[in-house]
Amino acid sequence: MSSVEAFLAESASLLDMLAEYGLHPGLLSPTLSAAEQERLARFRVPQDRSDFLAVRLLTRLALFRRRTAVAPAPRPSTPTSAVSTATWDEFIPAAPTALLAERDIRQRCPGCAGSGHGRPYVIDPEVRLSWAHSRGLIAVVIAESRESDVGVDCERERRCEPPVVWQGKPIPLSTWCRVESCVKAGWGDLDELLDQACSPEGIRVPDDVVFSEGRVQLAAATAHWAVAAPSAARMTVLGAASA
């Protein structure tokens, strides 16, 4: 069975914590690849810029932890829950500058076969990863799997917004997260998977795929998340108020 670890946080929370170590965005941008820095420079909306930077930093931190075999110090929300919480002090290494060395993240687009955008990956046949960011939320999943891809999505709950409607049917936020996680894993495009989600059979995924999902309260947002992976994901919510 594959080992699947996922992490969810608010981008502002991560950037604020890194700033306490003296690592401000201007110092963190050089940790990105040339292609990432070029894309970062094109953002004009501050939130989009922060999310883009933060999700890549969280990925580098998670890869650093995995490479150095530093286990997180999560606190289970219940004895049987797949969701745990951890403070940034528990998660971030004592010397977070170590993330500066984690520059082996690449991207490729399955549509145009171009690089610098699309699905993220590392040069390691045993590792699959995915990330997501949405309106101040960031999520990362890393799986030890040679054959199966993974996907993750996170969405901010906004009670004043109507649900997404597809083919005349409202799509619950939890279903939307499942659909997006499958898109990120490469199991279909958005329209195709929304059609499946509205059908009696539901979303069609490979036989070995397991969905992990939840709804958690962070400091400034209620978040829905979903992971599609070859086994159940262990989700660590970083800086959470409750899980």
C-alpha atoms as a PDB file:
ATOM      1  CA  MET A   1       0.000   0.000   0.000  1.00  0.00           C
ATOM      2  CA  SER A   2       1.278   3.457  -0.900  1.00  0.00           C
ATOM      3  CA  SER A   3       2.112   6.046   1.727  1.00  0.00           C
ATOM      4  CA  VAL A   4       0.091   9.198   1.059  1.00  0.00           C
ATOM      5  CA  GLU A   5       0.621  12.389   3.052  1.00  0.00           C
ATOM      6  CA  ALA A   6      -1.346  15.581   2.507  1.00  0.00           C
ATOM      7  CA  PHE A   7      -1.066  19.053   4.001  1.00  0.00           C
ATOM      8  CA  LEU A   8      -3.565  21.919   4.118  1.00  0.00           C
ATOM      9  CA  ALA A   9      -2.993  25.498   5.277  1.00  0.00           C
ATOM     10  CA  GLU A  10      -3.680  29.156   4.646  1.00  0.00           C
ATOM     11  CA  SER A  11      -1.055  30.813   2.480  1.00  0.00           C
ATOM     12  CA  ALA A  12      -0.881  33.921   4.699  1.00  0.00           C
ATOM     13  CA  SER A  13      -0.237  31.739   7.748  1.00  0.00           C
ATOM     14  CA  LEU A  14       2.763  30.044   6.108  1.00  0.00           C
ATOM     15  CA  LEU A  15       4.248  33.274   4.768  1.00  0.00           C
ATOM     16  CA  ASP A  16       3.808  34.999   8.147  1.00  0.00           C
ATOM     17  CA  MET A  17       5.587  32.137   9.922  1.00  0.00           C
ATOM     18  CA  LEU A  18       8.478  32.171   7.459  1.00  0.00           C
ATOM     19  CA  ALA A  19       8.754  35.939   7.902  1.00  0.00           C
ATOM     20  CA  GLU A  20       9.320  35.342  11.622  1.00  0.00           C
ATOM     21  CA  TYR A  21      12.452  33.433  10.588  1.00  0.00           C
ATOM     22  CA  GLY A  22      13.513  36.414   8.485  1.00  0.00           C
ATOM     23  CA  LEU A  23      12.446  34.723   5.261  1.00  0.00           C
ATOM     24  CA  HIS A  24      10.360  37.388   3.548  1.00  0.00           C
ATOM     25  CA  PRO A  25       8.841  36.921   0.060  1.00  0.00           C
ATOM     26  CA  GLY A  26      11.712  38.806  -1.560  1.00  0.00           C
ATOM     27  CA  LEU A  27      14.160  36.296  -0.112  1.00  0.00           C
ATOM     28  CA  LEU A  28      11.939  33.318  -0.866  1.00  0.00           C
ATOM     29  CA  SER A  29      11.338  34.023  -4.550  1.00  0.00           C
ATOM     30  CA  PRO A  30      14.875  32.864  -5.514  1.00  0.00           C
ATOM     31  CA  THR A  31      14.004  29.391  -4.166  1.00  0.00           C
ATOM     32  CA  LEU A  32      11.740  29.006  -7.195  1.00  0.00           C
ATOM     33  CA  SER A  33      12.904  27.831 -10.585  1.00  0.00           C
ATOM     34  CA  ALA A  34      13.440  30.344 -13.377  1.00  0.00           C
ATOM     35  CA  ALA A  35      10.104  29.385 -14.946  1.00  0.00           C
ATOM     36  CA  GLU A  36       8.306  29.772 -11.608  1.00  0.00           C
ATOM     37  CA  GLN A  37       9.902  33.154 -10.969  1.00  0.00           C
ATOM     38  CA  GLU A  38       8.821  34.329 -14.404  1.00  0.00           C
ATOM     39  CA  ARG A  39       5.221  33.295 -13.735  1.00  0.00           C
ATOM     40  CA  LEU A  40       5.281  34.817 -10.244  1.00  0.00           C
ATOM     41  CA  ALA A  41       6.376  38.170 -11.662  1.00  0.00           C
ATOM     42  CA  ARG A  42       3.345  38.257 -13.968  1.00  0.00           C
ATOM     43  CA  PHE A  43       0.769  38.140 -11.160  1.00  0.00           C
ATOM     44  CA  ARG A  44      -0.924  41.454 -10.440  1.00  0.00           C
ATOM     45  CA  VAL A  45      -3.393  40.337  -7.745  1.00  0.00           C
ATOM     46  CA  PRO A  46      -1.541  40.084  -4.387  1.00  0.00           C
ATOM     47  CA  GLN A  47      -3.591  37.072  -3.196  1.00  0.00           C
ATOM     48  CA  ASP A  48      -2.842  35.122  -6.368  1.00  0.00           C
ATOM     49  CA  ARG A  49       0.838  35.933  -6.017  1.00  0.00           C
ATOM     50  CA  SER A  50       0.885  34.826  -2.369  1.00  0.00           C
ATOM     51  CA  ASP A  51      -0.944  31.572  -3.119  1.00  0.00           C
ATOM     52  CA  PHE A  52       1.368  30.746  -6.035  1.00  0.00           C
ATOM     53  CA  LEU A  53       4.456  31.285  -3.880  1.00  0.00           C
ATOM     54  CA  ALA A  54       3.090  29.652  -0.714  1.00  0.00           C
ATOM     55  CA  VAL A  55       1.943  26.380  -2.287  1.00  0.00           C
ATOM     56  CA  ARG A  56       5.380  25.888  -3.842  1.00  0.00           C
ATOM     57  CA  LEU A  57       7.099  26.631  -0.536  1.00  0.00           C
ATOM     58  CA  LEU A  58       4.805  24.199   1.284  1.00  0.00           C
ATOM     59  CA  THR A  59       5.660  21.549  -1.309  1.00  0.00           C
ATOM     60  CA  ARG A  60       9.381  22.144  -0.806  1.00  0.00           C
ATOM     61  CA  LEU A  61       8.972  21.919   2.971  1.00  0.00           C
ATOM     62  CA  ALA A  62       7.031  18.662   2.648  1.00  0.00           C
ATOM     63  CA  LEU A  63       9.659  17.203   0.301  1.00  0.00           C
ATOM     64  CA  PHE A  64      12.424  18.330   2.669  1.00  0.00           C
ATOM     65  CA  ARG A  65      10.700  16.528   5.554  1.00  0.00           C
ATOM     66  CA  ARG A  66      10.342  13.388   3.471  1.00  0.00           C
ATOM     67  CA  ARG A  67      13.953  13.481   2.247  1.00  0.00           C
ATOM     68  CA  THR A  68      15.355  13.977   5.742  1.00  0.00           C
ATOM     69  CA  ALA A  69      12.891  11.506   7.299  1.00  0.00           C
ATOM     70  CA  VAL A  70      11.614  14.110   9.737  1.00  0.00           C
ATOM     71  CA  ALA A  71       8.213  12.899  10.832  1.00  0.00           C
ATOM     72  CA  PRO A  72       5.491  15.493  11.447  1.00  0.00           C
ATOM     73  CA  ALA A  73       4.193  15.860  14.966  1.00  0.00           C
ATOM     74  CA  PRO A  74       0.461  15.750  14.283  1.00  0.00           C
ATOM     75  CA  ARG A  75      -2.247  15.655  16.922  1.00  0.00           C
ATOM     76  CA  PRO A  76      -5.130  13.402  15.836  1.00  0.00           C
ATOM     77  CA  SER A  77      -8.478  15.157  15.998  1.00  0.00           C
ATOM     78  CA  THR A  78     -10.077  11.829  16.980  1.00  0.00           C
ATOM     79  CA  PRO A  79      -8.509   8.389  17.630  1.00  0.00           C
ATOM     80  CA  THR A  80      -9.704   7.065  14.262  1.00  0.00           C
ATOM     81  CA  SER A  81      -9.559  10.209  12.146  1.00  0.00           C
ATOM     82  CA  ALA A  82      -7.359  10.477   9.062  1.00  0.00           C
ATOM     83  CA  VAL A  83      -7.056  14.206   9.810  1.00  0.00           C
ATOM     84  CA  SER A  84      -4.509  15.624  12.237  1.00  0.00           C
ATOM     85  CA  THR A  85      -3.390  19.113  13.162  1.00  0.00           C
ATOM     86  CA  ALA A  86       0.061  20.560  13.699  1.00  0.00           C
ATOM     87  CA  THR A  87       1.443  23.991  14.477  1.00  0.00           C
ATOM     88  CA  TRP A  88       3.973  25.578  12.166  1.00  0.00           C
ATOM     89  CA  ASP A  89       6.600  25.212  14.891  1.00  0.00           C
ATOM     90  CA  GLU A  90       6.011  21.459  14.808  1.00  0.00           C
ATOM     91  CA  PHE A  91       6.101  21.292  11.029  1.00  0.00           C
ATOM     92  CA  ILE A  92       8.779  23.733   9.902  1.00  0.00           C
ATOM     93  CA  PRO A  93      12.369  22.593  10.478  1.00  0.00           C
ATOM     94  CA  ALA A  94      14.453  24.561  12.943  1.00  0.00           C
ATOM     95  CA  ALA A  95      16.406  25.905   9.967  1.00  0.00           C
ATOM     96  CA  PRO A  96      13.744  26.546   7.295  1.00  0.00           C
ATOM     97  CA  THR A  97      16.448  27.885   4.995  1.00  0.00           C
ATOM     98  CA  ALA A  98      16.947  24.203   4.148  1.00  0.00           C
ATOM     99  CA  LEU A  99      13.993  24.563   1.807  1.00  0.00           C
ATOM    100  CA  LEU A 100      16.231  26.714  -0.390  1.00  0.00           C
ATOM    101  CA  ALA A 101      17.893  23.509  -1.575  1.00  0.00           C
ATOM    102  CA  GLU A 102      14.608  21.889  -2.618  1.00  0.00           C
ATOM    103  CA  ARG A 103      14.559  23.103  -6.212  1.00  0.00           C
ATOM    104  CA  ASP A 104      13.889  19.876  -8.071  1.00  0.00           C
ATOM    105  CA  ILE A 105      10.171  20.503  -8.644  1.00  0.00           C
ATOM    106  CA  ARG A 106       9.193  20.633 -12.304  1.00  0.00           C
ATOM    107  CA  GLN A 107       5.934  20.948 -14.193  1.00  0.00           C
ATOM    108  CA  ARG A 108       4.652  19.593 -17.472  1.00  0.00           C
ATOM    109  CA  CYS A 109       1.361  20.155 -19.234  1.00  0.00           C
ATOM    110  CA  PRO A 110      -0.375  16.982 -20.499  1.00  0.00           C
ATOM    111  CA  GLY A 111      -2.290  19.102 -23.007  1.00  0.00           C
ATOM    112  CA  CYS A 112       0.493  20.953 -24.823  1.00  0.00           C
ATOM    113  CA  ALA A 113       3.463  18.913 -23.504  1.00  0.00           C
ATOM    114  CA  GLY A 114       5.072  22.185 -22.444  1.00  0.00           C
ATOM    115  CA  SER A 115       7.108  22.712 -19.288  1.00  0.00           C
ATOM    116  CA  GLY A 116       6.906  25.366 -16.599  1.00  0.00           C
ATOM    117  CA  HIS A 117       3.177  24.872 -16.080  1.00  0.00           C
ATOM    118  CA  GLY A 118       0.754  21.996 -15.609  1.00  0.00           C
ATOM    119  CA  ARG A 119       1.129  19.026 -13.267  1.00  0.00           C
ATOM    120  CA  PRO A 120       4.051  19.168 -10.813  1.00  0.00           C
ATOM    121  CA  TYR A 121       6.544  16.329 -10.474  1.00  0.00           C
ATOM    122  CA  VAL A 122       9.977  15.485  -9.114  1.00  0.00           C
ATOM    123  CA  ILE A 123      12.745  13.377 -10.664  1.00  0.00           C
ATOM    124  CA  ASP A 124      11.983  10.330  -8.545  1.00  0.00           C
ATOM    125  CA  PRO A 125      10.018   7.391  -9.994  1.00  0.00           C
ATOM    126  CA  GLU A 126       8.743   6.488  -6.512  1.00  0.00           C
ATOM    127  CA  VAL A 127       7.104   9.855  -5.785  1.00  0.00           C
ATOM    128  CA  ARG A 128       3.898  11.414  -7.074  1.00  0.00           C
ATOM    129  CA  LEU A 129       2.717  14.841  -5.990  1.00  0.00           C
ATOM    130  CA  SER A 130      -0.056  17.341  -6.575  1.00  0.00           C
ATOM    131  CA  TRP A 131      -0.906  20.785  -5.269  1.00  0.00           C
ATOM    132  CA  ALA A 132      -3.837  23.179  -5.198  1.00  0.00           C
ATOM    133  CA  HIS A 133      -4.472  26.753  -4.163  1.00  0.00           C
ATOM    134  CA  SER A 134      -7.696  28.712  -3.968  1.00  0.00           C
ATOM    135  CA  ARG A 135      -8.402  32.141  -2.481  1.00  0.00           C
ATOM    136  CA  GLY A 136      -5.897  31.957   0.345  1.00  0.00           C
ATOM    137  CA  LEU A 137      -5.906  28.165   0.823  1.00  0.00           C
ATOM    138  CA  ILE A 138      -3.063  25.844  -0.185  1.00  0.00           C
ATOM    139  CA  ALA A 139      -2.860  22.052  -0.250  1.00  0.00           C
ATOM    140  CA  VAL A 140      -0.180  19.516  -1.168  1.00  0.00           C
ATOM    141  CA  VAL A 141      -0.223  15.718  -1.430  1.00  0.00           C
ATOM    142  CA  ILE A 142       2.851  13.495  -1.754  1.00  0.00           C
ATOM    143  CA  ALA A 143       2.559   9.766  -2.385  1.00  0.00           C
ATOM    144  CA  GLU A 144       5.069   6.958  -2.627  1.00  0.00           C
ATOM    145  CA  SER A 145       3.758   5.323  -5.759  1.00  0.00           C
ATOM    146  CA  ARG A 146       5.496   4.166  -8.922  1.00  0.00           C
ATOM    147  CA  GLU A 147       2.384   3.708 -11.055  1.00  0.00           C
ATOM    148  CA  SER A 148      -0.603   5.654  -9.692  1.00  0.00           C
ATOM    149  CA  ASP A 149      -0.994   9.414  -9.973  1.00  0.00           C
ATOM    150  CA  VAL A 150      -2.515  11.574  -7.247  1.00  0.00           C
ATOM    151  CA  GLY A 151      -4.607  14.725  -7.098  1.00  0.00           C
ATOM    152  CA  VAL A 152      -5.653  17.216  -4.431  1.00  0.00           C
ATOM    153  CA  ASP A 153      -8.059  20.131  -4.266  1.00  0.00           C
ATOM    154  CA  CYS A 154      -9.072  22.659  -1.616  1.00  0.00           C
ATOM    155  CA  GLU A 155     -11.875  25.201  -1.671  1.00  0.00           C
ATOM    156  CA  ARG A 156     -12.957  27.991   0.650  1.00  0.00           C
ATOM    157  CA  GLU A 157     -16.531  27.709   1.897  1.00  0.00           C
ATOM    158  CA  ARG A 158     -18.529  30.869   1.262  1.00  0.00           C
ATOM    159  CA  ARG A 159     -22.115  30.711   2.445  1.00  0.00           C
ATOM    160  CA  CYS A 160     -23.119  33.782   0.436  1.00  0.00           C
ATOM    161  CA  GLU A 161     -22.141  32.145  -2.856  1.00  0.00           C
ATOM    162  CA  PRO A 162     -24.562  29.846  -4.714  1.00  0.00           C
ATOM    163  CA  PRO A 163     -23.318  26.336  -5.534  1.00  0.00           C
ATOM    164  CA  VAL A 164     -21.829  25.541  -8.907  1.00  0.00           C
ATOM    165  CA  VAL A 165     -24.569  24.360 -11.272  1.00  0.00           C
ATOM    166  CA  TRP A 166     -23.753  21.879 -14.028  1.00  0.00           C
ATOM    167  CA  GLN A 167     -26.316  20.643 -16.537  1.00  0.00           C
ATOM    168  CA  GLY A 168     -29.011  22.116 -14.312  1.00  0.00           C
ATOM    169  CA  LYS A 169     -27.799  20.286 -11.198  1.00  0.00           C
ATOM    170  CA  PRO A 170     -26.178  21.959  -8.163  1.00  0.00           C
ATOM    171  CA  ILE A 171     -22.713  20.585  -7.389  1.00  0.00           C
ATOM    172  CA  PRO A 172     -21.906  20.398  -3.651  1.00  0.00           C
ATOM    173  CA  LEU A 173     -18.506  21.799  -2.713  1.00  0.00           C
ATOM    174  CA  SER A 174     -17.366  18.350  -1.558  1.00  0.00           C
ATOM    175  CA  THR A 175     -18.193  16.905  -4.990  1.00  0.00           C
ATOM    176  CA  TRP A 176     -16.434  19.798  -6.710  1.00  0.00           C
ATOM    177  CA  CYS A 177     -13.292  19.024  -4.692  1.00  0.00           C
ATOM    178  CA  ARG A 178     -13.455  15.377  -5.749  1.00  0.00           C
ATOM    179  CA  VAL A 179     -13.823  16.368  -9.387  1.00  0.00           C
ATOM    180  CA  GLU A 180     -10.923  18.814  -9.229  1.00  0.00           C
ATOM    181  CA  SER A 181      -8.688  16.257  -7.502  1.00  0.00           C
ATOM    182  CA  CYS A 182      -9.355  13.861 -10.391  1.00  0.00           C
ATOM    183  CA  VAL A 183      -8.603  16.570 -12.960  1.00  0.00           C
ATOM    184  CA  LYS A 184      -5.286  17.255 -11.237  1.00  0.00           C
ATOM    185  CA  ALA A 185      -4.479  13.536 -11.268  1.00  0.00           C
ATOM    186  CA  GLY A 186      -5.076  13.435 -15.024  1.00  0.00           C
ATOM    187  CA  TRP A 187      -8.170  11.219 -15.116  1.00  0.00           C
ATOM    188  CA  GLY A 188     -10.238  13.476 -17.342  1.00  0.00           C
ATOM    189  CA  ASP A 189     -11.047  17.077 -18.097  1.00  0.00           C
ATOM    190  CA  LEU A 190     -13.364  19.202 -15.975  1.00  0.00           C
ATOM    191  CA  ASP A 191     -16.423  18.945 -18.229  1.00  0.00           C
ATOM    192  CA  GLU A 192     -16.105  15.171 -18.571  1.00  0.00           C
ATOM    193  CA  LEU A 193     -15.743  14.610 -14.835  1.00  0.00           C
ATOM    194  CA  LEU A 194     -18.610  16.967 -13.962  1.00  0.00           C
ATOM    195  CA  ASP A 195     -20.818  14.978 -16.347  1.00  0.00           C
ATOM    196  CA  GLN A 196     -19.804  11.811 -14.514  1.00  0.00           C
ATOM    197  CA  ALA A 197     -20.419  13.402 -11.109  1.00  0.00           C
ATOM    198  CA  CYS A 198     -23.988  14.223 -12.155  1.00  0.00           C
ATOM    199  CA  SER A 199     -24.652  10.697 -13.435  1.00  0.00           C
ATOM    200  CA  PRO A 200     -26.071   7.836 -11.334  1.00  0.00           C
ATOM    201  CA  GLU A 201     -22.742   5.979 -11.629  1.00  0.00           C
ATOM    202  CA  GLY A 202     -20.720   8.886 -10.248  1.00  0.00           C
ATOM    203  CA  ILE A 203     -17.097   9.751 -10.997  1.00  0.00           C
ATOM    204  CA  ARG A 204     -15.218   6.970 -12.797  1.00  0.00           C
ATOM    205  CA  VAL A 205     -11.642   6.538 -11.613  1.00  0.00           C
ATOM    206  CA  PRO A 206      -9.059   3.708 -11.718  1.00  0.00           C
ATOM    207  CA  ASP A 207      -9.909   0.729  -9.514  1.00  0.00           C
ATOM    208  CA  ASP A 208      -7.097   1.418  -7.054  1.00  0.00           C
ATOM    209  CA  VAL A 209      -8.119   5.024  -6.310  1.00  0.00           C
ATOM    210  CA  VAL A 210      -9.269   5.976  -2.814  1.00  0.00           C
ATOM    211  CA  PHE A 211     -10.889   9.312  -2.008  1.00  0.00           C
ATOM    212  CA  SER A 212     -10.008  11.057   1.249  1.00  0.00           C
ATOM    213  CA  GLU A 213     -11.886  14.246   2.032  1.00  0.00           C
ATOM    214  CA  GLY A 214     -13.045  16.560   4.765  1.00  0.00           C
ATOM    215  CA  ARG A 215     -14.129  19.969   5.979  1.00  0.00           C
ATOM    216  CA  VAL A 216     -12.002  21.890   8.494  1.00  0.00           C
ATOM    217  CA  GLN A 217     -11.971  25.262  10.194  1.00  0.00           C
ATOM    218  CA  LEU A 218      -8.799  27.302   9.843  1.00  0.00           C
ATOM    219  CA  ALA A 219      -8.062  30.696  11.352  1.00  0.00           C
ATOM    220  CA  ALA A 220      -9.734  32.724   8.617  1.00  0.00           C
ATOM    221  CA  ALA A 221     -11.649  30.188   6.543  1.00  0.00           C
ATOM    222  CA  THR A 222     -13.669  27.010   6.483  1.00  0.00           C
ATOM    223  CA  ALA A 223     -12.069  24.712   3.944  1.00  0.00           C
ATOM    224  CA  HIS A 224     -13.212  21.663   2.015  1.00  0.00           C
ATOM    225  CA  TRP A 225     -10.536  19.337   0.672  1.00  0.00           C
ATOM    226  CA  ALA A 226     -10.259  16.102  -1.279  1.00  0.00           C
ATOM    227  CA  VAL A 227      -7.397  13.787  -2.201  1.00  0.00           C
ATOM    228  CA  ALA A 228      -7.549  11.092  -4.879  1.00  0.00           C
ATOM    229  CA  ALA A 229      -4.724   8.588  -4.406  1.00  0.00           C
ATOM    230  CA  PRO A 230      -3.895   4.856  -4.437  1.00  0.00           C
ATOM    231  CA  SER A 231      -4.561   4.659  -0.682  1.00  0.00           C
ATOM    232  CA  ALA A 232      -6.148   6.766   2.031  1.00  0.00           C
ATOM    233  CA  ALA A 233      -4.323  10.024   2.686  1.00  0.00           C
ATOM    234  CA  ARG A 234      -3.099  11.197   6.079  1.00  0.00           C
ATOM    235  CA  MET A 235      -4.081  14.857   6.089  1.00  0.00           C
ATOM    236  CA  THR A 236      -2.253  17.283   8.388  1.00  0.00           C
ATOM    237  CA  VAL A 237      -3.982  20.630   8.793  1.00  0.00           C
ATOM    238  CA  LEU A 238      -1.369  23.241   9.613  1.00  0.00           C
ATOM    239  CA  GLY A 239      -2.323  26.128  11.856  1.00  0.00           C
ATOM    240  CA  ALA A 240      -5.905  24.847  12.170  1.00  0.00           C
ATOM    241  CA  ALA A 241      -8.361  26.075  14.759  1.00  0.00           C
ATOM    242  CA  SER A 242     -10.087  22.703  14.736  1.00  0.00           C
ATOM    243  CA  ALA A 243     -10.431  19.670  12.510  1.00  0.00           C
END
